[in-house]
C-alpha atoms as a PDB file:
ATOM      1  CA  UNK A   1       2.378 -77.828 -86.168  1.00  0.00           C
ATOM      2  CA  UNK A   2       4.679 -80.466 -85.053  1.00  0.00           C
ATOM      3  CA  UNK A   3       4.204 -84.130 -84.409  1.00  0.00           C
ATOM      4  CA  UNK A   4       7.225 -86.032 -83.000  1.00  0.00           C
ATOM      5  CA  UNK A   5       7.298 -89.803 -81.898  1.00  0.00           C
ATOM      6  CA  UNK A   6       9.501 -91.232 -79.505  1.00  0.00           C
ATOM      7  CA  UNK A   7      10.088 -94.160 -77.452  1.00  0.00           C
ATOM      8  CA  UNK A   8      10.643 -97.047 -79.838  1.00  0.00           C
ATOM      9  CA  UNK A   9      13.490 -99.584 -79.310  1.00  0.00           C
ATOM     10  CA  UNK A  10      14.213-103.229 -79.180  1.00  0.00           C
ATOM     11  CA  UNK A  11      12.658-105.607 -77.318  1.00  0.00           C
ATOM     12  CA  UNK A  12      12.489-108.904 -76.422  1.00  0.00           C
ATOM     13  CA  UNK A  13       9.050-110.735 -77.170  1.00  0.00           C
ATOM     14  CA  UNK A  14       6.945-110.446 -73.694  1.00  0.00           C
ATOM     15  CA  UNK A  15       9.002-107.121 -73.228  1.00  0.00           C
ATOM     16  CA  UNK A  16       7.112-103.629 -72.938  1.00  0.00           C
ATOM     17  CA  UNK A  17       7.676-100.437 -74.417  1.00  0.00           C
ATOM     18  CA  UNK A  18       5.939 -96.708 -74.185  1.00  0.00           C
ATOM     19  CA  UNK A  19       5.742 -94.860 -77.376  1.00  0.00           C
ATOM     20  CA  UNK A  20       4.950 -90.908 -76.815  1.00  0.00           C
ATOM     21  CA  UNK A  21       3.908 -88.077 -79.310  1.00  0.00           C
ATOM     22  CA  UNK A  22       4.233 -84.991 -78.926  1.00  0.00           C
ATOM     23  CA  UNK A  23       1.961 -82.307 -80.633  1.00  0.00           C
ATOM     24  CA  UNK A  24       2.968 -78.694 -80.791  1.00  0.00           C
ATOM     25  CA  UNK A  25       1.364 -75.961 -82.107  1.00  0.00           C
ATOM     26  CA  UNK A  26      -2.566 -76.528 -81.511  1.00  0.00           C
ATOM     27  CA  UNK A  27      -5.005 -76.905 -78.947  1.00  0.00           C
ATOM     28  CA  UNK A  28      -4.486 -80.669 -78.526  1.00  0.00           C
ATOM     29  CA  UNK A  29      -8.180 -81.471 -77.067  1.00  0.00           C
ATOM     30  CA  UNK A  30      -9.204 -80.505 -80.959  1.00  0.00           C
ATOM     31  CA  UNK A  31      -8.056 -83.379 -82.467  1.00  0.00           C
ATOM     32  CA  UNK A  32      -8.701 -87.341 -82.517  1.00  0.00           C
ATOM     33  CA  UNK A  33      -5.306 -88.915 -82.849  1.00  0.00           C
ATOM     34  CA  UNK A  34      -3.823 -92.619 -83.433  1.00  0.00           C
ATOM     35  CA  UNK A  35      -1.314 -94.977 -83.748  1.00  0.00           C
ATOM     36  CA  UNK A  36      -0.471 -96.702 -86.911  1.00  0.00           C
ATOM     37  CA  UNK A  37       2.160 -99.098 -87.594  1.00  0.00           C
ATOM     38  CA  UNK A  38       4.041 -99.539 -90.992  1.00  0.00           C
ATOM     39  CA  UNK A  39       5.779-102.942 -91.597  1.00  0.00           C
ATOM     40  CA  UNK A  40       9.395-103.434 -92.675  1.00  0.00           C
ATOM     41  CA  UNK A  41      10.007-105.156 -95.962  1.00  0.00           C
ATOM     42  CA  UNK A  42       6.041-105.432 -96.941  1.00  0.00           C
ATOM     43  CA  UNK A  43       6.155-105.594-100.745  1.00  0.00           C
ATOM     44  CA  UNK A  44       4.128-102.139-100.268  1.00  0.00           C
ATOM     45  CA  UNK A  45       3.837 -99.234 -97.865  1.00  0.00           C
ATOM     46  CA  UNK A  46       1.294-100.326 -96.047  1.00  0.00           C
ATOM     47  CA  UNK A  47       0.248 -98.895 -92.513  1.00  0.00           C
ATOM     48  CA  UNK A  48      -1.883-100.666 -90.043  1.00  0.00           C
ATOM     49  CA  UNK A  49      -4.040 -99.217 -87.173  1.00  0.00           C
ATOM     50  CA  UNK A  50      -2.865 -99.614 -84.189  1.00  0.00           C
ATOM     51  CA  UNK A  51      -5.189 -97.574 -81.713  1.00  0.00           C
ATOM     52  CA  UNK A  52      -7.029 -94.420 -81.378  1.00  0.00           C
ATOM     53  CA  UNK A  53      -8.458 -91.622 -79.004  1.00  0.00           C
ATOM     54  CA  UNK A  54     -11.084 -89.404 -79.833  1.00  0.00           C
ATOM     55  CA  UNK A  55     -11.513 -85.847 -78.630  1.00  0.00           C
ATOM     56  CA  UNK A  56     -13.743 -87.194 -75.964  1.00  0.00           C
ATOM     57  CA  UNK A  57     -11.312 -89.841 -74.812  1.00  0.00           C
ATOM     58  CA  UNK A  58     -13.045 -92.575 -76.223  1.00  0.00           C
ATOM     59  CA  UNK A  59     -10.461 -95.143 -77.559  1.00  0.00           C
ATOM     60  CA  UNK A  60     -10.320 -98.012 -79.984  1.00  0.00           C
ATOM     61  CA  UNK A  61      -7.742-100.846 -80.521  1.00  0.00           C
ATOM     62  CA  UNK A  62      -6.965-103.061 -83.473  1.00  0.00           C
ATOM     63  CA  UNK A  63      -7.849-106.852 -82.540  1.00  0.00           C
ATOM     64  CA  UNK A  64      -4.235-107.870 -82.347  1.00  0.00           C
ATOM     65  CA  UNK A  65      -3.253-105.679 -79.453  1.00  0.00           C
ATOM     66  CA  UNK A  66      -6.562-105.406 -77.574  1.00  0.00           C
ATOM     67  CA  UNK A  67      -6.036-106.017 -73.934  1.00  0.00           C
ATOM     68  CA  UNK A  68      -1.996-105.484 -74.412  1.00  0.00           C
ATOM     69  CA  UNK A  69      -1.746-101.988 -75.502  1.00  0.00           C
ATOM     70  CA  UNK A  70      -3.114 -99.123 -73.913  1.00  0.00           C
ATOM     71  CA  UNK A  71      -3.470 -95.631 -75.675  1.00  0.00           C
ATOM     72  CA  UNK A  72      -3.777 -92.319 -73.672  1.00  0.00           C
ATOM     73  CA  UNK A  73      -2.995 -88.843 -73.633  1.00  0.00           C
ATOM     74  CA  UNK A  74      -1.790 -86.143 -71.320  1.00  0.00           C
ATOM     75  CA  UNK A  75      -3.902 -82.942 -72.351  1.00  0.00           C
ATOM     76  CA  UNK A  76      -1.856 -80.725 -70.148  1.00  0.00           C
ATOM     77  CA  UNK A  77       1.374 -81.506 -71.986  1.00  0.00           C
ATOM     78  CA  UNK A  78       0.175 -82.261 -75.341  1.00  0.00           C
ATOM     79  CA  UNK A  79       1.562 -85.797 -75.628  1.00  0.00           C
ATOM     80  CA  UNK A  80      -0.076 -89.157 -76.313  1.00  0.00           C
ATOM     81  CA  UNK A  81       1.011 -92.459 -75.610  1.00  0.00           C
ATOM     82  CA  UNK A  82       0.826 -95.901 -75.952  1.00  0.00           C
ATOM     83  CA  UNK A  83       1.720 -98.582 -73.839  1.00  0.00           C
ATOM     84  CA  UNK A  84       2.882-101.886 -75.141  1.00  0.00           C
ATOM     85  CA  UNK A  85       2.968-105.022 -73.157  1.00  0.00           C
ATOM     86  CA  UNK A  86       3.620-108.573 -74.024  1.00  0.00           C
ATOM     87  CA  UNK A  87       4.990-107.526 -77.490  1.00  0.00           C
ATOM     88  CA  UNK A  88       5.508-110.247 -80.404  1.00  0.00           C
ATOM     89  CA  UNK A  89       7.981-110.314 -83.418  1.00  0.00           C
ATOM     90  CA  UNK A  90       4.538-109.531 -85.255  1.00  0.00           C
ATOM     91  CA  UNK A  91       4.678-105.683 -83.428  1.00  0.00           C
ATOM     92  CA  UNK A  92       7.756-104.718 -85.288  1.00  0.00           C
ATOM     93  CA  UNK A  93       7.713-101.777 -87.283  1.00  0.00           C
ATOM     94  CA  UNK A  94       7.831 -97.943 -87.584  1.00  0.00           C
ATOM     95  CA  UNK A  95       4.835 -96.300 -85.256  1.00  0.00           C
ATOM     96  CA  UNK A  96       3.743 -93.660 -86.632  1.00  0.00           C
ATOM     97  CA  UNK A  97       1.193 -90.962 -84.790  1.00  0.00           C
ATOM     98  CA  UNK A  98      -1.177 -89.093 -86.627  1.00  0.00           C
ATOM     99  CA  UNK A  99      -3.703 -86.302 -85.287  1.00  0.00           C
ATOM    100  CA  UNK A 100      -6.208 -84.372 -87.270  1.00  0.00           C
ATOM    101  CA  UNK A 101      -9.171 -82.068 -87.038  1.00  0.00           C
ATOM    102  CA  UNK A 102     -10.575 -82.818 -90.242  1.00  0.00           C
ATOM    103  CA  UNK A 103     -12.151 -86.262 -89.640  1.00  0.00           C
ATOM    104  CA  UNK A 104     -14.997 -86.524 -86.929  1.00  0.00           C
ATOM    105  CA  UNK A 105     -13.334 -89.422 -85.215  1.00  0.00           C
ATOM    106  CA  UNK A 106      -9.751 -91.431 -85.882  1.00  0.00           C
ATOM    107  CA  UNK A 107     -11.507 -94.935 -84.717  1.00  0.00           C
ATOM    108  CA  UNK A 108     -12.708 -95.714 -88.135  1.00  0.00           C
ATOM    109  CA  UNK A 109      -9.189 -95.824 -89.758  1.00  0.00           C
ATOM    110  CA  UNK A 110      -7.796 -98.318 -87.147  1.00  0.00           C
ATOM    111  CA  UNK A 111      -9.822-101.284 -88.399  1.00  0.00           C
ATOM    112  CA  UNK A 112      -9.839 -99.666 -92.154  1.00  0.00           C
ATOM    113  CA  UNK A 113      -6.719 -97.835 -92.825  1.00  0.00           C
ATOM    114  CA  UNK A 114      -7.388 -96.329 -96.112  1.00  0.00           C
ATOM    115  CA  UNK A 115      -7.047 -92.925 -97.213  1.00  0.00           C
ATOM    116  CA  UNK A 116      -4.980 -92.034 -94.389  1.00  0.00           C
ATOM    117  CA  UNK A 117      -4.016 -88.860 -96.024  1.00  0.00           C
ATOM    118  CA  UNK A 118      -7.131 -87.278 -94.585  1.00  0.00           C
ATOM    119  CA  UNK A 119      -5.056 -87.085 -91.238  1.00  0.00           C
ATOM    120  CA  UNK A 120      -4.066 -83.893 -91.078  1.00  0.00           C
ATOM    121  CA  UNK A 121      -0.448 -84.483 -89.465  1.00  0.00           C
ATOM    122  CA  UNK A 122       2.049 -87.540 -89.262  1.00  0.00           C
ATOM    123  CA  UNK A 123       5.201 -87.750 -87.201  1.00  0.00           C
ATOM    124  CA  UNK A 124       8.700 -88.870 -88.587  1.00  0.00           C
ATOM    125  CA  UNK A 125       7.944 -92.425 -86.992  1.00  0.00           C
ATOM    126  CA  UNK A 126       9.771 -94.065 -84.095  1.00  0.00           C
ATOM    127  CA  UNK A 127      11.115 -97.906 -84.971  1.00  0.00           C
ATOM    128  CA  UNK A 128      10.293-100.698 -82.483  1.00  0.00           C
ATOM    129  CA  UNK A 129      11.927-104.557 -83.346  1.00  0.00           C
ATOM    130  CA  UNK A 130      10.839-107.436 -81.077  1.00  0.00           C
ATOM    131  CA  UNK A 131      12.934-109.928 -81.479  1.00  0.00           C
ATOM    132  CA  UNK A 132      14.788-112.657 -79.355  1.00  0.00           C
END
């Protein structure tokens, strides 16, 4: 199984980016999937939950991105997306994609990102920098 994120970059506040997460070697629809953000220069490596999408397509967002970010997936291409609009400097960090058949739902990890190792597969991350 391979999980590969792309689409990161540098953008000014108020700008937009679309992240992609390509998953190969799986039946995409058997997985719930999620985006997490690792904040640079944090005293400990801490991944914040950003958004998730369940097997049935239900989406969940962290309060900090609700209304500005949109998570979606294309099951014909095995790609998940995160459209990020009206970006603020607080959105800067490394964004990781996770996929799991082990957990029943990915949404609990968005509001309580603990024991993330139970999520089966992770990508290598893509960097997002929001600054003027």
